[in-house]
Amino acid sequence: EKLFICNILNEISFHLEQQIIEEKDKNKLLEKKFSKKAELNELQSVFVSMAAHQFRTPLAGIISSVNLIIRYLAADQETWNRILNKNKIEEHFSKIKLSIKDLTDILNRFLSISKLEEGEIKHEPKNFILEDFINDFIKYSQSLLKPGQKLICNYENTNQCVYLDEELLKNCLLNIVSNAIKYSANQQNIYFSAIIENQNILISIKDEGIGIPKEEQKFLFRRFYRAKNAKTLTGTGLGLNIVKKYLDIMNGEISCISEKGKGARFTIKLKQICHE
């Protein structure tokens, strides 16, 4: 009987040892896979960063050349007056500049993602008056509007000191406003509102554009995600992912209310802290 029990125990022990060996082998295999994936992610991040930097230089050269051509033509009125279809030439120059701006924005987003992954984004909060910041931001945003679009603003109780990273906040707002402009037609309005209440900063950006289908809204802040009804327009699917990560750095929140064909409202919430 004792021998029988010993045999059973030995058998159990043997099978346990075999399972442990198998689990160790599986873990080693997983470690190799994770290691390879980490290496590939790092390589991808380095490549994206290098490519973005390399592309920015020729793009800057192109925009500089376009501006010089426009300046030379304007300076030589006699030659300019002899040119037919001036409007067409000016229109094409505008298209070139707009395309370069779009490419530069895309490269900047790739660089932002690369810096976020490498932990190179600096968080440098400082005291500033929120209303002054918003006025400057709105002034800049007006230049991005499509023909016939209006940026309608409403501030309340914003002439107060806040302690935030201006650059990160500006990038967040610019991404959202740029999307609102892009996904709205000419003649449609963009609404910008800001309020400080109960030591909370609430900034809301609403548009009258194509909206986001409800079943897709849970994916909004995923990297490279684009709603099905937005795929006919240029974009990277990186903007809102960057916004979310920047707000995480600032301990902020973002929410979205939208319906397909009825526009979208994005609201940013941040704590009002002002350091003496």
C-alpha atoms as a PDB file:
ATOM      1  CA  GLU A   1       0.000   0.000   0.000  1.00  0.00           C
ATOM      2  CA  LYS A   2       2.832   2.381   0.910  1.00  0.00           C
ATOM      3  CA  LEU A   3       4.559   1.478  -2.343  1.00  0.00           C
ATOM      4  CA  PHE A   4       1.388   2.210  -4.261  1.00  0.00           C
ATOM      5  CA  ILE A   5       1.046   5.641  -2.635  1.00  0.00           C
ATOM      6  CA  CYS A   6       4.734   6.395  -3.304  1.00  0.00           C
ATOM      7  CA  ASN A   7       4.292   5.485  -6.948  1.00  0.00           C
ATOM      8  CA  ILE A   8       1.286   7.795  -7.229  1.00  0.00           C
ATOM      9  CA  LEU A   9       3.201  10.643  -5.543  1.00  0.00           C
ATOM     10  CA  ASN A  10       6.187  10.079  -7.831  1.00  0.00           C
ATOM     11  CA  GLU A  11       3.888  10.118 -10.840  1.00  0.00           C
ATOM     12  CA  ILE A  12       2.258  13.362  -9.663  1.00  0.00           C
ATOM     13  CA  SER A  13       5.686  14.878  -8.962  1.00  0.00           C
ATOM     14  CA  PHE A  14       6.916  13.902 -12.426  1.00  0.00           C
ATOM     15  CA  HIS A  15       3.908  15.475 -14.149  1.00  0.00           C
ATOM     16  CA  LEU A  16       4.257  18.637 -12.061  1.00  0.00           C
ATOM     17  CA  GLU A  17       7.930  18.915 -13.014  1.00  0.00           C
ATOM     18  CA  GLN A  18       6.988  18.466 -16.685  1.00  0.00           C
ATOM     19  CA  GLN A  19       4.353  21.212 -16.403  1.00  0.00           C
ATOM     20  CA  ILE A  20       6.837  23.543 -14.721  1.00  0.00           C
ATOM     21  CA  ILE A  21       9.380  22.921 -17.506  1.00  0.00           C
ATOM     22  CA  GLU A  22       6.706  23.539 -20.154  1.00  0.00           C
ATOM     23  CA  GLU A  23       5.610  26.785 -18.436  1.00  0.00           C
ATOM     24  CA  LYS A  24       9.235  27.954 -18.228  1.00  0.00           C
ATOM     25  CA  ASP A  25       9.677  27.262 -21.941  1.00  0.00           C
ATOM     26  CA  LYS A  26       6.482  29.170 -22.714  1.00  0.00           C
ATOM     27  CA  ASN A  27       7.649  32.113 -20.579  1.00  0.00           C
ATOM     28  CA  LYS A  28      11.008  32.173 -22.351  1.00  0.00           C
ATOM     29  CA  LEU A  29       9.241  32.202 -25.706  1.00  0.00           C
ATOM     30  CA  LEU A  30       6.953  35.034 -24.568  1.00  0.00           C
ATOM     31  CA  GLU A  31       9.929  37.003 -23.237  1.00  0.00           C
ATOM     32  CA  LYS A  32      11.633  36.663 -26.629  1.00  0.00           C
ATOM     33  CA  LYS A  33       8.468  37.820 -28.405  1.00  0.00           C
ATOM     34  CA  PHE A  34       8.034  40.803 -26.066  1.00  0.00           C
ATOM     35  CA  SER A  35      11.709  41.668 -26.412  1.00  0.00           C
ATOM     36  CA  LYS A  36      11.470  41.528 -30.211  1.00  0.00           C
ATOM     37  CA  LYS A  37       8.279  43.597 -30.176  1.00  0.00           C
ATOM     38  CA  ALA A  38       9.915  46.186 -27.908  1.00  0.00           C
ATOM     39  CA  GLU A  39      12.909  46.337 -30.259  1.00  0.00           C
ATOM     40  CA  LEU A  40      10.617  46.764 -33.273  1.00  0.00           C
ATOM     41  CA  ASN A  41       8.620  49.499 -31.493  1.00  0.00           C
ATOM     42  CA  GLU A  42      11.830  51.298 -30.590  1.00  0.00           C
ATOM     43  CA  LEU A  43      13.119  50.970 -34.162  1.00  0.00           C
ATOM     44  CA  GLN A  44       9.789  52.250 -35.513  1.00  0.00           C
ATOM     45  CA  SER A  45       9.874  55.194 -33.110  1.00  0.00           C
ATOM     46  CA  VAL A  46      13.450  56.096 -34.112  1.00  0.00           C
ATOM     47  CA  PHE A  47      12.596  55.765 -37.828  1.00  0.00           C
ATOM     48  CA  VAL A  48       9.482  57.964 -37.504  1.00  0.00           C
ATOM     49  CA  SER A  49      11.440  60.619 -35.611  1.00  0.00           C
ATOM     50  CA  MET A  50      14.309  60.593 -38.128  1.00  0.00           C
ATOM     51  CA  ALA A  51      11.970  60.634 -41.142  1.00  0.00           C
ATOM     52  CA  ALA A  52       9.927  63.502 -39.709  1.00  0.00           C
ATOM     53  CA  HIS A  53      13.051  65.573 -39.048  1.00  0.00           C
ATOM     54  CA  GLN A  54      14.454  64.803 -42.511  1.00  0.00           C
ATOM     55  CA  PHE A  55      11.226  65.777 -44.284  1.00  0.00           C
ATOM     56  CA  ARG A  56      10.859  69.078 -42.448  1.00  0.00           C
ATOM     57  CA  THR A  57      14.022  70.537 -44.014  1.00  0.00           C
ATOM     58  CA  PRO A  58      12.996  70.127 -47.698  1.00  0.00           C
ATOM     59  CA  LEU A  59       9.458  71.280 -46.867  1.00  0.00           C
ATOM     60  CA  ALA A  60      10.873  74.460 -45.325  1.00  0.00           C
ATOM     61  CA  GLY A  61      12.957  74.918 -48.491  1.00  0.00           C
ATOM     62  CA  ILE A  62       9.889  74.538 -50.724  1.00  0.00           C
ATOM     63  CA  ILE A  63       7.803  77.073 -48.790  1.00  0.00           C
ATOM     64  CA  SER A  64      10.750  79.493 -48.769  1.00  0.00           C
ATOM     65  CA  SER A  65      11.113  79.167 -52.558  1.00  0.00           C
ATOM     66  CA  VAL A  66       7.375  79.706 -53.118  1.00  0.00           C
ATOM     67  CA  ASN A  67       7.460  82.861 -50.987  1.00  0.00           C
ATOM     68  CA  LEU A  68      10.519  84.140 -52.887  1.00  0.00           C
ATOM     69  CA  ILE A  69       8.849  83.541 -56.287  1.00  0.00           C
ATOM     70  CA  ILE A  70       5.771  85.476 -55.096  1.00  0.00           C
ATOM     71  CA  ARG A  71       8.027  88.286 -53.838  1.00  0.00           C
ATOM     72  CA  TYR A  72      10.034  88.464 -57.104  1.00  0.00           C
ATOM     73  CA  LEU A  73       6.852  88.591 -59.188  1.00  0.00           C
ATOM     74  CA  ALA A  74       5.361  91.294 -56.974  1.00  0.00           C
ATOM     75  CA  ALA A  75       8.582  93.346 -57.191  1.00  0.00           C
ATOM     76  CA  ASP A  76       8.649  93.183 -61.002  1.00  0.00           C
ATOM     77  CA  GLN A  77       5.305  94.778 -61.804  1.00  0.00           C
ATOM     78  CA  GLU A  78       6.071  94.999 -65.521  1.00  0.00           C
ATOM     79  CA  THR A  79       6.565  91.218 -65.823  1.00  0.00           C
ATOM     80  CA  TRP A  80       3.612  90.512 -63.518  1.00  0.00           C
ATOM     81  CA  ASN A  81       1.308  92.733 -65.606  1.00  0.00           C
ATOM     82  CA  ARG A  82       2.195  90.773 -68.756  1.00  0.00           C
ATOM     83  CA  ILE A  83       1.254  87.436 -67.144  1.00  0.00           C
ATOM     84  CA  LEU A  84      -2.127  86.034 -68.084  1.00  0.00           C
ATOM     85  CA  ASN A  85      -4.300  84.072 -65.615  1.00  0.00           C
ATOM     86  CA  LYS A  86      -2.825  85.781 -62.545  1.00  0.00           C
ATOM     87  CA  ASN A  87      -5.689  84.503 -60.422  1.00  0.00           C
ATOM     88  CA  LYS A  88      -4.920  80.909 -61.370  1.00  0.00           C
ATOM     89  CA  ILE A  89      -1.234  81.370 -60.503  1.00  0.00           C
ATOM     90  CA  GLU A  90      -2.119  82.873 -57.113  1.00  0.00           C
ATOM     91  CA  GLU A  91      -4.617  80.059 -56.510  1.00  0.00           C
ATOM     92  CA  HIS A  92      -1.985  77.383 -57.212  1.00  0.00           C
ATOM     93  CA  PHE A  93       0.562  79.119 -54.979  1.00  0.00           C
ATOM     94  CA  SER A  94      -2.049  79.089 -52.198  1.00  0.00           C
ATOM     95  CA  LYS A  95      -2.678  75.373 -52.774  1.00  0.00           C
ATOM     96  CA  ILE A  96       1.066  74.629 -52.587  1.00  0.00           C
ATOM     97  CA  LYS A  97       1.373  76.544 -49.298  1.00  0.00           C
ATOM     98  CA  LEU A  98      -1.704  74.819 -47.852  1.00  0.00           C
ATOM     99  CA  SER A  99      -0.398  71.362 -48.862  1.00  0.00           C
ATOM    100  CA  ILE A 100       2.974  72.105 -47.251  1.00  0.00           C
ATOM    101  CA  LYS A 101       1.206  73.247 -44.086  1.00  0.00           C
ATOM    102  CA  ASP A 102      -0.818  69.999 -43.996  1.00  0.00           C
ATOM    103  CA  LEU A 103       2.345  67.900 -44.469  1.00  0.00           C
ATOM    104  CA  THR A 104       4.148  69.872 -41.758  1.00  0.00           C
ATOM    105  CA  ASP A 105       1.220  69.302 -39.367  1.00  0.00           C
ATOM    106  CA  ILE A 106       1.334  65.546 -40.076  1.00  0.00           C
ATOM    107  CA  LEU A 107       5.094  65.424 -39.445  1.00  0.00           C
ATOM    108  CA  ASN A 108       4.686  67.412 -36.222  1.00  0.00           C
ATOM    109  CA  ARG A 109       2.113  64.874 -34.997  1.00  0.00           C
ATOM    110  CA  PHE A 110       4.441  61.971 -35.750  1.00  0.00           C
ATOM    111  CA  LEU A 111       7.197  63.784 -33.852  1.00  0.00           C
ATOM    112  CA  SER A 112       4.849  64.370 -30.911  1.00  0.00           C
ATOM    113  CA  ILE A 113       3.995  60.642 -30.761  1.00  0.00           C
ATOM    114  CA  SER A 114       7.685  59.755 -30.958  1.00  0.00           C
ATOM    115  CA  LYS A 115       8.531  62.143 -28.115  1.00  0.00           C
ATOM    116  CA  LEU A 116       5.641  60.846 -26.002  1.00  0.00           C
ATOM    117  CA  GLU A 117       6.820  57.251 -26.421  1.00  0.00           C
ATOM    118  CA  GLU A 118      10.381  58.182 -25.496  1.00  0.00           C
ATOM    119  CA  GLY A 119       9.265  60.245 -22.484  1.00  0.00           C
ATOM    120  CA  GLU A 120      10.776  63.402 -23.973  1.00  0.00           C
ATOM    121  CA  ILE A 121       7.724  65.647 -23.583  1.00  0.00           C
ATOM    122  CA  LYS A 122       8.551  68.310 -21.017  1.00  0.00           C
ATOM    123  CA  HIS A 123       5.837  69.344 -18.600  1.00  0.00           C
ATOM    124  CA  GLU A 124       6.543  72.976 -17.716  1.00  0.00           C
ATOM    125  CA  PRO A 125       3.538  74.538 -15.972  1.00  0.00           C
ATOM    126  CA  LYS A 126       3.568  78.214 -15.060  1.00  0.00           C
ATOM    127  CA  ASN A 127       1.180  80.921 -13.905  1.00  0.00           C
ATOM    128  CA  PHE A 128      -0.706  82.852 -16.598  1.00  0.00           C
ATOM    129  CA  ILE A 129      -4.040  84.593 -17.097  1.00  0.00           C
ATOM    130  CA  LEU A 130      -6.332  82.178 -18.921  1.00  0.00           C
ATOM    131  CA  GLU A 131      -8.262  84.896 -20.770  1.00  0.00           C
ATOM    132  CA  ASP A 132      -5.068  86.403 -22.254  1.00  0.00           C
ATOM    133  CA  PHE A 133      -4.020  82.940 -23.438  1.00  0.00           C
ATOM    134  CA  ILE A 134      -7.451  82.283 -25.000  1.00  0.00           C
ATOM    135  CA  ASN A 135      -7.501  85.656 -26.795  1.00  0.00           C
ATOM    136  CA  ASP A 136      -4.132  84.900 -28.423  1.00  0.00           C
ATOM    137  CA  PHE A 137      -5.268  81.390 -29.336  1.00  0.00           C
ATOM    138  CA  ILE A 138      -8.535  82.597 -30.898  1.00  0.00           C
ATOM    139  CA  LYS A 139      -6.684  85.255 -32.903  1.00  0.00           C
ATOM    140  CA  TYR A 140      -4.433  82.535 -34.355  1.00  0.00           C
ATOM    141  CA  SER A 141      -7.331  80.116 -34.964  1.00  0.00           C
ATOM    142  CA  GLN A 142      -9.254  82.716 -36.990  1.00  0.00           C
ATOM    143  CA  SER A 143      -6.610  82.403 -39.720  1.00  0.00           C
ATOM    144  CA  LEU A 144      -7.334  78.650 -40.078  1.00  0.00           C
ATOM    145  CA  LEU A 145     -11.047  78.990 -40.854  1.00  0.00           C
ATOM    146  CA  LYS A 146     -12.485  77.956 -44.211  1.00  0.00           C
ATOM    147  CA  PRO A 147     -14.354  80.566 -46.297  1.00  0.00           C
ATOM    148  CA  GLY A 148     -17.612  81.507 -44.606  1.00  0.00           C
ATOM    149  CA  GLN A 149     -16.820  79.745 -41.328  1.00  0.00           C
ATOM    150  CA  LYS A 150     -17.077  81.694 -38.068  1.00  0.00           C
ATOM    151  CA  LEU A 151     -15.455  81.030 -34.705  1.00  0.00           C
ATOM    152  CA  ILE A 152     -17.986  82.123 -32.089  1.00  0.00           C
ATOM    153  CA  CYS A 153     -16.522  82.594 -28.605  1.00  0.00           C
ATOM    154  CA  ASN A 154     -17.952  82.850 -25.122  1.00  0.00           C
ATOM    155  CA  TYR A 155     -15.812  83.224 -21.967  1.00  0.00           C
ATOM    156  CA  GLU A 156     -16.985  83.403 -18.393  1.00  0.00           C
ATOM    157  CA  ASN A 157     -14.915  84.161 -15.317  1.00  0.00           C
ATOM    158  CA  THR A 158     -11.662  83.440 -17.207  1.00  0.00           C
ATOM    159  CA  ASN A 159      -9.717  86.571 -16.286  1.00  0.00           C
ATOM    160  CA  GLN A 160      -7.963  84.564 -13.581  1.00  0.00           C
ATOM    161  CA  CYS A 161      -4.568  83.050 -12.927  1.00  0.00           C
ATOM    162  CA  VAL A 162      -4.079  79.375 -13.802  1.00  0.00           C
ATOM    163  CA  TYR A 163      -1.048  77.099 -13.422  1.00  0.00           C
ATOM    164  CA  LEU A 164      -0.689  74.993 -16.566  1.00  0.00           C
ATOM    165  CA  ASP A 165       1.698  74.131 -19.368  1.00  0.00           C
ATOM    166  CA  GLU A 166       0.775  76.700 -22.036  1.00  0.00           C
ATOM    167  CA  GLU A 167       2.411  74.786 -24.890  1.00  0.00           C
ATOM    168  CA  LEU A 168       0.657  71.481 -24.100  1.00  0.00           C
ATOM    169  CA  LEU A 169      -2.696  73.241 -23.646  1.00  0.00           C
ATOM    170  CA  LYS A 170      -2.255  75.147 -26.913  1.00  0.00           C
ATOM    171  CA  ASN A 171      -1.487  71.892 -28.761  1.00  0.00           C
ATOM    172  CA  CYS A 172      -4.578  70.211 -27.284  1.00  0.00           C
ATOM    173  CA  LEU A 173      -6.882  73.065 -28.298  1.00  0.00           C
ATOM    174  CA  LEU A 174      -5.285  73.434 -31.725  1.00  0.00           C
ATOM    175  CA  ASN A 175      -5.796  69.745 -32.506  1.00  0.00           C
ATOM    176  CA  ILE A 176      -9.486  69.919 -31.560  1.00  0.00           C
ATOM    177  CA  VAL A 177     -10.173  73.242 -33.317  1.00  0.00           C
ATOM    178  CA  SER A 178      -8.335  72.052 -36.455  1.00  0.00           C
ATOM    179  CA  ASN A 179     -10.536  68.932 -36.517  1.00  0.00           C
ATOM    180  CA  ALA A 180     -13.674  71.040 -36.021  1.00  0.00           C
ATOM    181  CA  ILE A 181     -12.679  73.218 -38.987  1.00  0.00           C
ATOM    182  CA  LYS A 182     -11.671  70.263 -41.171  1.00  0.00           C
ATOM    183  CA  TYR A 183     -14.843  68.228 -40.581  1.00  0.00           C
ATOM    184  CA  SER A 184     -17.176  71.209 -40.972  1.00  0.00           C
ATOM    185  CA  ALA A 185     -18.299  72.634 -44.299  1.00  0.00           C
ATOM    186  CA  ASN A 186     -17.856  76.215 -45.486  1.00  0.00           C
ATOM    187  CA  GLN A 187     -20.429  78.530 -43.878  1.00  0.00           C
ATOM    188  CA  GLN A 188     -20.690  76.332 -40.742  1.00  0.00           C
ATOM    189  CA  ASN A 189     -19.782  77.731 -37.332  1.00  0.00           C
ATOM    190  CA  ILE A 190     -17.298  76.600 -34.674  1.00  0.00           C
ATOM    191  CA  TYR A 191     -18.205  77.431 -31.072  1.00  0.00           C
ATOM    192  CA  PHE A 192     -15.521  77.982 -28.431  1.00  0.00           C
ATOM    193  CA  SER A 193     -16.478  78.433 -24.774  1.00  0.00           C
ATOM    194  CA  ALA A 194     -14.460  78.604 -21.569  1.00  0.00           C
ATOM    195  CA  ILE A 195     -15.385  78.990 -17.917  1.00  0.00           C
ATOM    196  CA  ILE A 196     -13.707  78.713 -14.515  1.00  0.00           C
ATOM    197  CA  GLU A 197     -16.020  77.481 -11.784  1.00  0.00           C
ATOM    198  CA  ASN A 198     -15.446  75.623  -8.518  1.00  0.00           C
ATOM    199  CA  GLN A 199     -11.678  75.679  -9.257  1.00  0.00           C
ATOM    200  CA  ASN A 200     -12.266  73.746 -12.492  1.00  0.00           C
ATOM    201  CA  ILE A 201     -11.349  74.991 -15.966  1.00  0.00           C
ATOM    202  CA  LEU A 202     -13.855  73.856 -18.590  1.00  0.00           C
ATOM    203  CA  ILE A 203     -13.075  74.508 -22.258  1.00  0.00           C
ATOM    204  CA  SER A 204     -15.558  73.354 -24.871  1.00  0.00           C
ATOM    205  CA  ILE A 205     -15.229  73.266 -28.673  1.00  0.00           C
ATOM    206  CA  LYS A 206     -18.356  72.494 -30.678  1.00  0.00           C
ATOM    207  CA  ASP A 207     -18.840  72.199 -34.440  1.00  0.00           C
ATOM    208  CA  GLU A 208     -21.704  71.634 -36.881  1.00  0.00           C
ATOM    209  CA  GLY A 209     -19.812  69.097 -39.000  1.00  0.00           C
ATOM    210  CA  ILE A 210     -20.100  65.436 -39.941  1.00  0.00           C
ATOM    211  CA  GLY A 211     -20.179  64.190 -36.335  1.00  0.00           C
ATOM    212  CA  ILE A 212     -18.973  60.827 -34.996  1.00  0.00           C
ATOM    213  CA  PRO A 213     -21.133  57.684 -35.062  1.00  0.00           C
ATOM    214  CA  LYS A 214     -22.049  56.636 -31.500  1.00  0.00           C
ATOM    215  CA  GLU A 215     -20.788  53.077 -31.932  1.00  0.00           C
ATOM    216  CA  GLU A 216     -17.321  54.411 -32.860  1.00  0.00           C
ATOM    217  CA  GLN A 217     -16.900  56.988 -30.099  1.00  0.00           C
ATOM    218  CA  LYS A 218     -15.275  54.505 -27.689  1.00  0.00           C
ATOM    219  CA  PHE A 219     -12.325  54.249 -30.107  1.00  0.00           C
ATOM    220  CA  LEU A 220     -11.867  58.020 -30.518  1.00  0.00           C
ATOM    221  CA  PHE A 221      -8.629  58.368 -28.563  1.00  0.00           C
ATOM    222  CA  ARG A 222      -6.900  55.284 -29.962  1.00  0.00           C
ATOM    223  CA  ARG A 223      -3.801  55.891 -32.035  1.00  0.00           C
ATOM    224  CA  PHE A 224      -4.429  55.929 -35.814  1.00  0.00           C
ATOM    225  CA  TYR A 225      -8.187  55.472 -35.336  1.00  0.00           C
ATOM    226  CA  ARG A 226     -10.419  57.370 -37.751  1.00  0.00           C
ATOM    227  CA  ALA A 227     -14.202  57.186 -37.919  1.00  0.00           C
ATOM    228  CA  LYS A 228     -15.597  55.617 -41.089  1.00  0.00           C
ATOM    229  CA  ASN A 229     -17.341  58.820 -42.157  1.00  0.00           C
ATOM    230  CA  ALA A 230     -14.021  60.757 -41.869  1.00  0.00           C
ATOM    231  CA  LYS A 231     -11.864  58.587 -44.114  1.00  0.00           C
ATOM    232  CA  THR A 232     -12.572  60.603 -47.259  1.00  0.00           C
ATOM    233  CA  LEU A 233     -10.686  63.533 -45.686  1.00  0.00           C
ATOM    234  CA  THR A 234      -6.930  63.625 -45.088  1.00  0.00           C
ATOM    235  CA  GLY A 235      -5.708  62.827 -41.589  1.00  0.00           C
ATOM    236  CA  THR A 236      -3.469  60.566 -39.522  1.00  0.00           C
ATOM    237  CA  GLY A 237      -5.741  59.504 -36.661  1.00  0.00           C
ATOM    238  CA  LEU A 238      -3.090  60.790 -34.248  1.00  0.00           C
ATOM    239  CA  GLY A 239      -4.509  64.148 -33.153  1.00  0.00           C
ATOM    240  CA  LEU A 240      -6.962  63.047 -30.467  1.00  0.00           C
ATOM    241  CA  ASN A 241      -4.559  60.384 -29.204  1.00  0.00           C
ATOM    242  CA  ILE A 242      -1.947  63.121 -28.661  1.00  0.00           C
ATOM    243  CA  VAL A 243      -4.556  65.359 -26.982  1.00  0.00           C
ATOM    244  CA  LYS A 244      -5.474  62.559 -24.552  1.00  0.00           C
ATOM    245  CA  LYS A 245      -1.825  61.891 -23.672  1.00  0.00           C
ATOM    246  CA  TYR A 246      -1.045  65.589 -23.197  1.00  0.00           C
ATOM    247  CA  LEU A 247      -4.062  65.927 -20.902  1.00  0.00           C
ATOM    248  CA  ASP A 248      -2.932  62.856 -18.947  1.00  0.00           C
ATOM    249  CA  ILE A 249       0.393  64.651 -18.361  1.00  0.00           C
ATOM    250  CA  MET A 250      -1.538  67.711 -17.086  1.00  0.00           C
ATOM    251  CA  ASN A 251      -3.943  65.553 -15.020  1.00  0.00           C
ATOM    252  CA  GLY A 252      -6.804  66.698 -17.213  1.00  0.00           C
ATOM    253  CA  GLU A 253      -9.803  64.987 -18.788  1.00  0.00           C
ATOM    254  CA  ILE A 254     -11.537  65.079 -22.154  1.00  0.00           C
ATOM    255  CA  SER A 255     -15.041  64.017 -23.141  1.00  0.00           C
ATOM    256  CA  CYS A 256     -17.043  64.016 -26.346  1.00  0.00           C
ATOM    257  CA  ILE A 257     -20.742  64.293 -27.172  1.00  0.00           C
ATOM    258  CA  SER A 258     -21.583  63.665 -30.804  1.00  0.00           C
ATOM    259  CA  GLU A 259     -24.028  62.223 -33.272  1.00  0.00           C
ATOM    260  CA  LYS A 260     -23.428  61.347 -36.903  1.00  0.00           C
ATOM    261  CA  GLY A 261     -24.304  64.286 -39.137  1.00  0.00           C
ATOM    262  CA  LYS A 262     -24.941  66.612 -36.184  1.00  0.00           C
ATOM    263  CA  GLY A 263     -21.463  67.817 -35.229  1.00  0.00           C
ATOM    264  CA  ALA A 264     -19.392  67.135 -32.130  1.00  0.00           C
ATOM    265  CA  ARG A 265     -18.640  68.813 -28.818  1.00  0.00           C
ATOM    266  CA  PHE A 266     -15.311  68.167 -27.076  1.00  0.00           C
ATOM    267  CA  THR A 267     -14.884  69.349 -23.490  1.00  0.00           C
ATOM    268  CA  ILE A 268     -11.570  69.619 -21.663  1.00  0.00           C
ATOM    269  CA  LYS A 269     -11.532  69.727 -17.867  1.00  0.00           C
ATOM    270  CA  LEU A 270      -8.492  70.881 -15.870  1.00  0.00           C
ATOM    271  CA  LYS A 271      -7.898  71.908 -12.286  1.00  0.00           C
ATOM    272  CA  GLN A 272      -7.381  75.594 -11.568  1.00  0.00           C
ATOM    273  CA  ILE A 273      -4.250  75.834  -9.447  1.00  0.00           C
ATOM    274  CA  CYS A 274      -2.297  79.044  -9.168  1.00  0.00           C
ATOM    275  CA  HIS A 275       1.104  78.964  -7.471  1.00  0.00           C
ATOM    276  CA  GLU A 276       2.215  82.025  -5.575  1.00  0.00           C
END
